[in-house]
Amino acid sequence: MLPEMAAPPSTWSPSAWRAIPADQQPEWPDGEHAREVRERLLGMPPLVFAGEARNLQAALAEVAAGRGFLLQAGDCAESFGDFSAVTIREKLKIMLQMAAVLTYGAMLPVVKVGRIAGQFVKPRSSPVEVVDGAEIPSFRGHMVHDDAPTLAGRIPDPERMVQGYHQSAATLNLLRAFTKGGFADLTKVHLWNQEFVATSPEGRRYERIAAEIERALAFMAACGIDLERERRLHEVDVWTSHEGLLLDYEEALTRRDSLTGRWYDCSAHMLWIGERTRAADGAHAEFFAGVGNPLGIKVGPTATPAEVLDLCARLDPDRTPGRLTLICRMGAGRAAEALPPVIRAVTDAGHPVVWACDPMHANVFRTPAGVKTRRFEDIMAEIRGFFAACRECDVWPGGIHLEFTGEDVTECLGGAEAVLEDHLSVRYHSLCDPRLNARQSLDLAFRLAELMRGEDRPAPGGVT
């Protein structure tokens, strides 16, 4: 049974963070309007429930113990303009396909957590950007303002928090219908993967894993398991997550659980604190220390063991399994070297965290034409470095954190069907950072499955 976290101090409240200067927050033009929007959100139903968050924490506790694997993936930033059943379905389809491959690669259950139904706000390294020679506020996500590169478009509008709430509610409703209504059927997912293998330039490389999954399904049927009636083969749990950056919104969606008396941030099942806002004495740590959700912390190359230990102590003083996921984003050339000191410090202090790899965010660069992109081989190199660091420190490499889309975009370079620099301008649709497309995501899943099975090797032609 999952141990219940101790209740936060009686002095804590969802607004306690306001006593501390908060980074990466918008400056609302009208503070009273923002307060009125928060009051409206407080009166709206929760998007998720405390019991669901506890169930996810129990699943993550299994991952922390080496009995599961975390797949956390989705859009860099969700859009108010690109919202439809088709886009949600295609993102879910890719996640289910990846999870099926990874389940077989690890021979363990895969905990599926989407960057979805709330990923509307982005931190920025600079408060301003230059567009056509003019300086304007940097784009911070559709829950704050518009992406139109004009001064008028970049004025923060608190009404967008309400729009984000309603879009999140609609997304969650569709996700629940898909995951419980037959769309997640394992045999159907396997057929999708077979189609991918048949049309991939790396098909022969992946064919063996696909064939083994086929034989496993046939074996279950031969043993008398009715694949049509086995509910666990047709329904899955997909949890939601986003960066808990906009504290006005997170505070307004926080509710006290009637069963335990604890506070839960009911905007998502899991929230994470980003690299730019992870100060242990900062406003974000103050807020999330008081909610009962499982939490992620992004850990970049500048994070010292002492800083990470301070965060673990601040957010999980009771050392509760499944409470914390440390999402490491060191960069392709630094993961194997920079990560072991952090792992050893956290392990020696007895914190039962999930170790996950974000191979995306420290590997962004700009082409000579100024286009922001990532190389597929850098992403794979960081994953290998992460696995090497975990194995060196004798901890379980428990998860992967990706930015992807189900669309046929050309935003990241490489993959089996190599996207070249000349292709980037063809279908570059991301609101912020470049994402893996559907085929690159499946390439990654098969190669990660090989890595888990000890079969990873460079692909022909130098593409890894």
Protein backbone atom coordinates (compact mmCIF):
# COMPACT_ATOMS: atom_id res chain seq x y z
CA MET A 1 0.00 0.00 0.00
CA LEU A 2 1.32 3.46 -0.92
CA PRO A 3 2.36 5.43 2.18
CA GLU A 4 0.38 8.61 2.58
CA MET A 5 2.45 11.78 2.66
CA ALA A 6 2.36 13.84 5.79
CA ALA A 7 0.04 16.83 5.61
CA PRO A 8 1.72 20.18 4.90
CA PRO A 9 2.10 22.61 7.80
CA SER A 10 -1.20 24.11 8.89
CA THR A 11 0.16 27.53 7.88
CA TRP A 12 0.45 26.46 4.22
CA SER A 13 -2.24 27.56 1.79
CA PRO A 14 -2.43 27.59 -2.02
CA SER A 15 -1.61 31.30 -1.93
CA ALA A 16 1.45 30.96 0.33
CA TRP A 17 3.78 31.37 -2.67
CA ARG A 18 2.70 35.01 -2.99
CA ALA A 19 4.98 35.99 -0.12
CA ILE A 20 7.99 35.08 -2.30
CA PRO A 21 9.04 36.78 -5.57
CA ALA A 22 8.08 34.40 -8.39
CA ASP A 23 10.10 34.00 -11.58
CA GLN A 24 8.67 33.63 -15.11
CA GLN A 25 5.25 35.09 -14.25
CA PRO A 26 3.33 37.41 -16.60
CA GLU A 27 2.66 41.00 -15.61
CA TRP A 28 -1.12 41.23 -15.89
CA PRO A 29 -2.12 44.74 -17.03
CA ASP A 30 -5.08 44.72 -14.63
CA GLY A 31 -4.45 42.97 -11.31
CA GLU A 32 -8.09 43.14 -10.30
CA HIS A 33 -9.14 41.43 -13.52
CA ALA A 34 -6.62 38.66 -12.86
CA ARG A 35 -7.99 38.23 -9.32
CA GLU A 36 -11.55 37.99 -10.67
CA VAL A 37 -10.50 35.29 -13.16
CA ARG A 38 -8.84 33.31 -10.35
CA GLU A 39 -12.08 33.49 -8.37
CA ARG A 40 -14.01 32.13 -11.34
CA LEU A 41 -11.57 29.25 -11.75
CA LEU A 42 -11.85 28.47 -8.04
CA GLY A 43 -15.55 27.86 -8.55
CA MET A 44 -15.07 25.47 -11.48
CA PRO A 45 -14.88 21.66 -11.12
CA PRO A 46 -11.44 20.05 -10.79
CA LEU A 47 -9.94 18.72 -14.01
CA VAL A 48 -8.54 15.62 -12.27
CA PHE A 49 -9.16 14.03 -8.90
CA ALA A 50 -6.92 13.46 -5.90
CA GLY A 51 -7.45 9.70 -6.04
CA GLU A 52 -6.21 9.64 -9.63
CA ALA A 53 -3.06 11.52 -8.63
CA ARG A 54 -2.49 8.98 -5.84
CA ASN A 55 -2.90 6.12 -8.32
CA LEU A 56 -0.27 7.68 -10.57
CA GLN A 57 2.03 8.10 -7.57
CA ALA A 58 1.61 4.38 -6.80
CA ALA A 59 2.55 3.54 -10.40
CA LEU A 60 5.59 5.81 -10.19
CA ALA A 61 6.62 4.16 -6.93
CA GLU A 62 6.84 0.91 -8.91
CA VAL A 63 9.02 2.68 -11.48
CA ALA A 64 11.30 4.00 -8.73
CA ALA A 65 11.69 0.43 -7.49
CA GLY A 66 12.73 -0.77 -10.95
CA ARG A 67 9.41 -2.48 -11.69
CA GLY A 68 8.16 -0.11 -14.38
CA PHE A 69 9.21 2.49 -16.95
CA LEU A 70 7.92 6.06 -17.42
CA LEU A 71 7.06 7.41 -20.87
CA GLN A 72 6.27 11.12 -20.54
CA ALA A 73 5.73 12.84 -23.88
CA GLY A 74 3.72 15.37 -25.81
CA ASP A 75 3.76 18.84 -27.29
CA CYS A 76 6.35 21.46 -26.51
CA ALA A 77 3.46 23.90 -26.07
CA GLU A 78 -0.20 23.18 -26.70
CA SER A 79 -2.03 25.55 -29.01
CA PHE A 80 -5.41 27.24 -28.80
CA GLY A 81 -5.41 27.37 -32.62
CA ASP A 82 -4.58 23.72 -33.37
CA PHE A 83 -7.13 21.87 -31.27
CA SER A 84 -9.16 18.99 -32.65
CA ALA A 85 -10.08 15.37 -32.01
CA VAL A 86 -7.68 14.34 -34.78
CA THR A 87 -4.61 16.02 -33.26
CA ILE A 88 -5.37 14.54 -29.83
CA ARG A 89 -5.97 11.10 -31.34
CA GLU A 90 -2.72 11.14 -33.32
CA LYS A 91 -0.65 12.14 -30.27
CA LEU A 92 -2.26 9.38 -28.24
CA LYS A 93 -1.71 6.88 -31.08
CA ILE A 94 2.04 7.55 -31.15
CA MET A 95 2.27 7.31 -27.37
CA LEU A 96 0.46 3.96 -27.38
CA GLN A 97 2.72 2.64 -30.16
CA MET A 98 5.85 3.73 -28.31
CA ALA A 99 4.57 2.25 -25.05
CA ALA A 100 3.89 -1.13 -26.67
CA VAL A 101 7.45 -1.31 -28.00
CA LEU A 102 8.97 -0.16 -24.71
CA THR A 103 6.86 -2.60 -22.68
CA TYR A 104 8.32 -5.43 -24.68
CA GLY A 105 11.82 -3.96 -24.60
CA ALA A 106 11.84 -3.58 -20.81
CA MET A 107 9.50 -6.50 -20.07
CA LEU A 108 7.88 -4.13 -17.59
CA PRO A 109 4.71 -2.03 -17.50
CA VAL A 110 5.05 1.42 -19.03
CA VAL A 111 3.49 4.35 -17.15
CA LYS A 112 2.10 6.68 -19.82
CA VAL A 113 2.05 10.39 -18.91
CA GLY A 114 1.22 13.00 -21.54
CA ARG A 115 2.43 16.57 -21.79
CA ILE A 116 -1.18 17.39 -22.55
CA ALA A 117 -4.35 19.08 -21.23
CA GLY A 118 -2.47 21.99 -19.63
CA GLN A 119 0.91 22.51 -21.34
CA PHE A 120 0.04 26.06 -22.38
CA VAL A 121 2.80 28.09 -20.69
CA LYS A 122 6.53 28.23 -21.45
CA PRO A 123 9.48 29.73 -19.55
CA ARG A 124 11.80 31.96 -21.56
CA SER A 125 15.49 32.71 -21.22
CA SER A 126 14.87 36.35 -22.18
CA PRO A 127 11.79 38.49 -21.46
CA VAL A 128 12.00 40.02 -24.95
CA GLU A 129 12.75 38.95 -28.50
CA VAL A 130 13.51 40.89 -31.68
CA VAL A 131 11.15 40.44 -34.64
CA ASP A 132 11.79 42.39 -37.87
CA GLY A 133 14.09 44.72 -35.97
CA ALA A 134 11.52 45.52 -33.27
CA GLU A 135 11.73 44.37 -29.64
CA ILE A 136 8.58 42.71 -28.30
CA PRO A 137 7.81 40.53 -25.24
CA SER A 138 8.81 36.88 -25.70
CA PHE A 139 6.04 34.39 -26.35
CA ARG A 140 5.09 32.65 -23.08
CA GLY A 141 2.31 30.38 -24.28
CA HIS A 142 -1.32 30.70 -25.26
CA MET A 143 -2.56 30.74 -21.67
CA VAL A 144 -0.72 34.06 -21.26
CA HIS A 145 -1.01 35.84 -24.63
CA ASP A 146 -1.06 35.31 -28.39
CA ASP A 147 1.85 34.05 -30.48
CA ALA A 148 1.35 36.85 -33.04
CA PRO A 149 4.68 38.76 -33.09
CA THR A 150 3.17 42.17 -32.28
CA LEU A 151 3.09 44.34 -29.20
CA ALA A 152 -0.71 44.04 -29.04
CA GLY A 153 -0.61 40.25 -29.40
CA ARG A 154 1.86 39.88 -26.54
CA ILE A 155 -0.22 41.72 -23.93
CA PRO A 156 -1.00 39.19 -21.14
CA ASP A 157 -4.71 38.45 -20.79
CA PRO A 158 -5.94 36.51 -17.70
CA GLU A 159 -9.10 35.43 -19.58
CA ARG A 160 -6.82 33.00 -21.42
CA MET A 161 -6.55 30.96 -18.21
CA VAL A 162 -10.27 30.22 -18.50
CA GLN A 163 -9.87 29.25 -22.16
CA GLY A 164 -7.00 26.96 -21.19
CA TYR A 165 -9.14 25.36 -18.50
CA HIS A 166 -11.97 24.60 -20.94
CA GLN A 167 -9.63 23.23 -23.61
CA SER A 168 -7.96 21.03 -20.99
CA ALA A 169 -11.36 19.72 -19.87
CA ALA A 170 -12.34 18.86 -23.45
CA THR A 171 -8.96 17.18 -24.06
CA LEU A 172 -9.27 15.09 -20.91
CA ASN A 173 -12.79 14.03 -21.87
CA LEU A 174 -11.60 12.79 -25.26
CA LEU A 175 -8.52 11.07 -23.80
CA ARG A 176 -10.69 9.14 -21.36
CA ALA A 177 -13.05 8.12 -24.17
CA PHE A 178 -10.18 6.93 -26.37
CA THR A 179 -8.29 5.05 -23.66
CA LYS A 180 -11.36 3.24 -22.30
CA GLY A 181 -13.39 2.89 -25.49
CA GLY A 182 -11.32 0.48 -27.58
CA PHE A 183 -8.90 2.82 -29.37
CA ALA A 184 -6.05 1.58 -27.13
CA ASP A 185 -6.59 -2.10 -28.06
CA LEU A 186 -3.14 -3.76 -27.96
CA THR A 187 -3.71 -5.83 -31.09
CA LYS A 188 -4.65 -2.67 -32.98
CA VAL A 189 -1.57 -0.84 -31.66
CA HIS A 190 0.59 -3.77 -32.74
CA LEU A 191 -0.85 -3.60 -36.27
CA TRP A 192 0.07 0.11 -36.41
CA ASN A 193 3.62 -0.79 -35.41
CA GLN A 194 3.79 -3.52 -38.05
CA GLU A 195 2.77 -0.94 -40.66
CA PHE A 196 5.56 1.34 -39.45
CA VAL A 197 8.15 -1.46 -39.61
CA ALA A 198 7.02 -2.42 -43.11
CA THR A 199 7.52 1.12 -44.43
CA SER A 200 10.60 2.17 -42.43
CA PRO A 201 14.08 2.27 -44.01
CA GLU A 202 15.17 0.56 -40.80
CA GLY A 203 12.43 -2.08 -41.11
CA ARG A 204 14.78 -5.06 -40.98
CA ARG A 205 16.38 -3.67 -37.85
CA TYR A 206 13.03 -3.37 -36.08
CA GLU A 207 11.37 -6.43 -37.60
CA ARG A 208 12.67 -8.81 -34.97
CA ILE A 209 11.12 -6.91 -32.05
CA ALA A 210 7.82 -6.56 -33.92
CA ALA A 211 7.85 -10.29 -34.76
CA GLU A 212 8.54 -11.19 -31.12
CA ILE A 213 5.54 -9.12 -30.00
CA GLU A 214 3.44 -10.90 -32.62
CA ARG A 215 4.57 -14.29 -31.26
CA ALA A 216 3.84 -13.19 -27.69
CA LEU A 217 0.25 -12.31 -28.63
CA ALA A 218 -0.11 -15.64 -30.44
CA PHE A 219 1.29 -17.46 -27.39
CA MET A 220 -1.28 -15.84 -25.10
CA ALA A 221 -4.07 -16.87 -27.45
CA ALA A 222 -2.71 -20.43 -27.63
CA CYS A 223 -2.72 -20.59 -23.82
CA GLY A 224 -6.45 -19.94 -23.84
CA ILE A 225 -6.38 -16.23 -23.01
CA ASP A 226 -9.28 -14.60 -24.84
CA LEU A 227 -7.58 -11.53 -26.30
CA GLU A 228 -10.94 -10.06 -27.29
CA ARG A 229 -12.35 -10.19 -23.77
CA GLU A 230 -9.24 -9.39 -21.71
CA ARG A 231 -9.95 -5.84 -20.54
CA ARG A 232 -6.30 -5.02 -19.83
CA LEU A 233 -5.49 -5.51 -23.51
CA HIS A 234 -8.11 -2.99 -24.60
CA GLU A 235 -7.97 -0.23 -21.95
CA VAL A 236 -5.05 1.79 -20.63
CA ASP A 237 -4.41 4.61 -18.17
CA VAL A 238 -2.92 7.77 -19.65
CA TRP A 239 -2.15 10.45 -17.10
CA THR A 240 -1.76 14.19 -17.73
CA SER A 241 1.09 16.52 -16.81
CA HIS A 242 2.44 19.95 -17.55
CA GLU A 243 5.02 22.38 -16.23
CA GLY A 244 3.41 24.09 -13.23
CA LEU A 245 4.74 27.47 -14.26
CA LEU A 246 1.77 29.87 -14.13
CA LEU A 247 1.13 29.98 -10.40
CA ASP A 248 -2.07 32.04 -10.68
CA TYR A 249 -3.62 29.14 -12.61
CA GLU A 250 -2.20 26.37 -10.41
CA GLU A 251 -3.39 28.10 -7.24
CA ALA A 252 -6.90 28.50 -8.67
CA LEU A 253 -7.14 24.78 -9.55
CA THR A 254 -5.95 23.56 -6.12
CA ARG A 255 -8.55 21.76 -4.01
CA ARG A 256 -8.56 20.11 -0.58
CA ASP A 257 -9.21 16.35 -0.83
CA SER A 258 -12.24 15.32 1.20
CA LEU A 259 -10.77 11.87 1.98
CA THR A 260 -7.30 12.80 3.23
CA GLY A 261 -7.54 16.49 4.01
CA ARG A 262 -4.51 17.16 1.78
CA TRP A 263 -4.32 19.80 -0.91
CA TYR A 264 -4.02 18.65 -4.54
CA ASP A 265 -3.37 20.67 -7.67
CA CYS A 266 -6.27 19.41 -9.76
CA SER A 267 -5.07 20.94 -13.04
CA ALA A 268 -3.16 17.70 -13.83
CA HIS A 269 -2.18 14.38 -12.33
CA MET A 270 1.53 15.29 -12.31
CA LEU A 271 3.23 18.67 -12.37
CA TRP A 272 6.87 19.51 -12.88
CA ILE A 273 9.12 22.41 -11.91
CA GLY A 274 11.37 23.63 -14.71
CA GLU A 275 15.08 24.29 -14.81
CA ARG A 276 14.56 28.06 -14.58
CA THR A 277 12.27 27.99 -11.52
CA ARG A 278 13.68 25.14 -9.41
CA ALA A 279 15.22 27.22 -6.58
CA ALA A 280 14.49 25.40 -3.30
CA ASP A 281 13.62 28.72 -1.65
CA GLY A 282 11.63 29.99 -4.62
CA ALA A 283 7.91 30.53 -5.09
CA HIS A 284 7.39 27.40 -7.19
CA ALA A 285 8.98 25.13 -4.60
CA GLU A 286 6.89 26.82 -1.92
CA PHE A 287 3.69 26.14 -3.85
CA PHE A 288 4.41 22.55 -4.84
CA ALA A 289 5.71 21.57 -1.41
CA GLY A 290 2.13 21.85 -0.21
CA VAL A 291 0.28 19.78 -2.82
CA GLY A 292 0.01 15.99 -2.82
CA ASN A 293 0.53 15.34 -6.56
CA PRO A 294 3.54 13.44 -7.84
CA LEU A 295 6.08 16.03 -8.96
CA GLY A 296 8.85 16.27 -11.51
CA ILE A 297 11.97 18.42 -11.25
CA LYS A 298 14.02 19.31 -14.32
CA VAL A 299 17.73 18.89 -13.53
CA GLY A 300 20.09 20.65 -15.94
CA PRO A 301 23.88 20.71 -16.29
CA THR A 302 24.30 23.60 -13.84
CA ALA A 303 22.47 21.79 -11.02
CA THR A 304 24.80 20.86 -8.18
CA PRO A 305 24.26 17.82 -5.97
CA ALA A 306 23.63 20.16 -3.04
CA GLU A 307 20.92 22.07 -4.94
CA VAL A 308 19.16 18.88 -5.95
CA LEU A 309 19.32 17.55 -2.38
CA ASP A 310 17.81 20.81 -1.09
CA LEU A 311 14.94 20.42 -3.55
CA CYS A 312 14.35 16.79 -2.61
CA ALA A 313 14.27 17.72 1.08
CA ARG A 314 11.94 20.66 0.39
CA LEU A 315 9.47 18.75 -1.79
CA ASP A 316 9.67 15.27 -0.28
CA PRO A 317 10.87 15.44 3.33
CA ASP A 318 9.15 12.10 4.10
CA ARG A 319 10.94 10.26 1.24
CA THR A 320 7.70 8.92 -0.23
CA PRO A 321 8.18 6.53 -3.18
CA GLY A 322 6.68 7.94 -6.38
CA ARG A 323 6.49 11.50 -5.11
CA LEU A 324 9.52 12.82 -7.05
CA THR A 325 10.76 12.24 -10.58
CA LEU A 326 14.11 13.85 -11.39
CA ILE A 327 14.02 14.64 -15.11
CA CYS A 328 17.65 15.02 -16.17
CA ARG A 329 18.45 17.29 -19.12
CA MET A 330 22.24 17.55 -19.26
CA GLY A 331 23.01 17.59 -22.98
CA ALA A 332 24.40 14.88 -25.25
CA GLY A 333 28.02 15.54 -24.35
CA ARG A 334 27.57 15.96 -20.60
CA ALA A 335 25.09 13.37 -19.32
CA ALA A 336 27.55 10.55 -18.64
CA GLU A 337 29.88 12.89 -16.71
CA ALA A 338 27.56 15.41 -15.00
CA LEU A 339 24.85 13.02 -13.83
CA PRO A 340 26.66 10.46 -11.59
CA PRO A 341 27.53 12.96 -8.80
CA VAL A 342 23.86 14.00 -8.60
CA ILE A 343 22.65 10.39 -8.62
CA ARG A 344 25.05 9.36 -5.87
CA ALA A 345 24.12 12.31 -3.65
CA VAL A 346 20.37 11.67 -3.95
CA THR A 347 20.77 7.91 -3.51
CA ASP A 348 23.04 8.27 -0.48
CA ALA A 349 20.46 10.60 1.11
CA GLY A 350 17.80 7.89 0.75
CA HIS A 351 15.39 9.66 -1.61
CA PRO A 352 13.42 7.02 -3.62
CA VAL A 353 13.11 9.05 -6.83
CA VAL A 354 12.35 8.07 -10.41
CA TRP A 355 15.35 8.83 -12.64
CA ALA A 356 14.16 10.02 -16.07
CA CYS A 357 15.94 11.46 -19.09
CA ASP A 358 14.84 14.53 -21.02
CA PRO A 359 17.15 14.33 -24.07
CA MET A 360 15.45 17.26 -25.82
CA HIS A 361 15.94 20.52 -23.96
CA ALA A 362 19.73 20.71 -23.63
CA ASN A 363 20.26 19.79 -27.29
CA VAL A 364 18.62 22.74 -29.05
CA PHE A 365 20.68 24.78 -31.51
CA ARG A 366 20.07 27.20 -34.38
CA THR A 367 20.99 26.51 -37.98
CA PRO A 368 22.92 29.16 -39.97
CA ALA A 369 19.51 30.32 -41.21
CA GLY A 370 18.44 30.91 -37.57
CA VAL A 371 15.99 27.99 -37.31
CA LYS A 372 15.76 26.34 -33.90
CA THR A 373 16.20 22.56 -34.16
CA ARG A 374 17.61 19.37 -32.58
CA ARG A 375 19.53 16.44 -34.02
CA PHE A 376 18.07 12.98 -33.62
CA GLU A 377 21.57 11.56 -33.03
CA ASP A 378 22.13 14.04 -30.15
CA ILE A 379 18.86 12.94 -28.57
CA MET A 380 19.91 9.28 -28.77
CA ALA A 381 23.40 10.11 -27.51
CA GLU A 382 22.01 11.74 -24.38
CA ILE A 383 19.74 8.74 -23.75
CA ARG A 384 22.77 6.44 -23.98
CA GLY A 385 24.73 8.71 -21.63
CA PHE A 386 21.83 8.68 -19.18
CA PHE A 387 21.65 4.87 -19.22
CA ALA A 388 25.42 4.67 -18.76
CA ALA A 389 25.32 7.03 -15.76
CA CYS A 390 22.46 5.10 -14.14
CA ARG A 391 24.22 1.78 -14.63
CA GLU A 392 27.47 3.21 -13.26
CA CYS A 393 25.61 4.29 -10.11
CA ASP A 394 23.52 1.10 -9.89
CA VAL A 395 20.14 2.85 -10.17
CA TRP A 396 17.26 2.05 -12.49
CA PRO A 397 17.03 4.30 -15.60
CA GLY A 398 13.33 4.75 -15.05
CA GLY A 399 11.98 6.92 -17.82
CA ILE A 400 12.11 9.16 -20.83
CA HIS A 401 10.64 12.67 -21.30
CA LEU A 402 10.08 13.77 -24.91
CA GLU A 403 8.57 16.53 -27.00
CA PHE A 404 6.76 14.96 -29.93
CA THR A 405 3.74 15.29 -32.17
CA GLY A 406 1.62 12.87 -34.17
CA GLU A 407 1.90 15.18 -37.19
CA ASP A 408 4.32 14.80 -40.09
CA VAL A 409 6.38 17.86 -39.14
CA THR A 410 9.97 18.65 -40.10
CA GLU A 411 11.39 20.25 -36.95
CA CYS A 412 14.17 17.92 -35.74
CA LEU A 413 17.03 16.75 -37.97
CA GLY A 414 17.80 13.10 -38.68
CA GLY A 415 16.01 9.85 -37.96
CA ALA A 416 15.77 6.83 -40.23
CA GLU A 417 13.99 8.97 -42.84
CA ALA A 418 16.51 11.74 -42.38
CA VAL A 419 15.10 15.26 -42.06
CA LEU A 420 17.73 17.61 -43.53
CA GLU A 421 18.27 21.32 -42.90
CA ASP A 422 16.61 22.12 -46.23
CA HIS A 423 13.47 20.33 -44.98
CA LEU A 424 13.02 22.40 -41.82
CA SER A 425 11.07 25.15 -43.57
CA VAL A 426 8.62 22.70 -45.17
CA ARG A 427 6.47 21.75 -42.14
CA TYR A 428 7.75 23.60 -39.09
CA HIS A 429 4.66 24.23 -36.94
CA SER A 430 5.86 24.28 -33.31
CA LEU A 431 4.91 27.30 -31.23
CA CYS A 432 8.24 27.18 -29.43
CA ASP A 433 10.76 24.30 -29.52
CA PRO A 434 11.20 21.65 -32.25
CA ARG A 435 9.44 18.30 -31.78
CA LEU A 436 10.04 14.79 -32.99
CA ASN A 437 7.57 13.78 -35.67
CA ALA A 438 5.61 10.52 -35.56
CA ARG A 439 8.19 8.42 -37.43
CA GLN A 440 11.13 9.84 -35.48
CA SER A 441 9.28 9.05 -32.23
CA LEU A 442 8.81 5.43 -33.26
CA ASP A 443 12.43 5.23 -34.42
CA LEU A 444 13.40 6.34 -30.93
CA ALA A 445 11.11 3.80 -29.25
CA PHE A 446 12.56 0.86 -31.18
CA ARG A 447 16.13 2.01 -30.53
CA LEU A 448 15.39 2.55 -26.87
CA ALA A 449 13.95 -0.98 -26.74
CA GLU A 450 17.23 -2.21 -28.24
CA LEU A 451 19.15 -0.28 -25.58
CA MET A 452 17.09 -1.86 -22.82
CA ARG A 453 17.80 -5.29 -24.29
CA GLY A 454 21.52 -4.58 -24.70
CA GLU A 455 21.29 -4.68 -28.50
CA ASP A 456 21.74 -1.00 -29.33
CA ARG A 457 24.14 -0.25 -32.16
CA PRO A 458 24.71 2.61 -34.64
CA ALA A 459 22.39 2.57 -37.62
CA PRO A 460 23.75 2.20 -41.17
CA GLY A 461 25.05 5.40 -42.73
CA GLY A 462 26.00 6.91 -39.39
CA VAL A 463 22.43 7.79 -38.36
CA THR A 464 21.92 6.88 -34.70
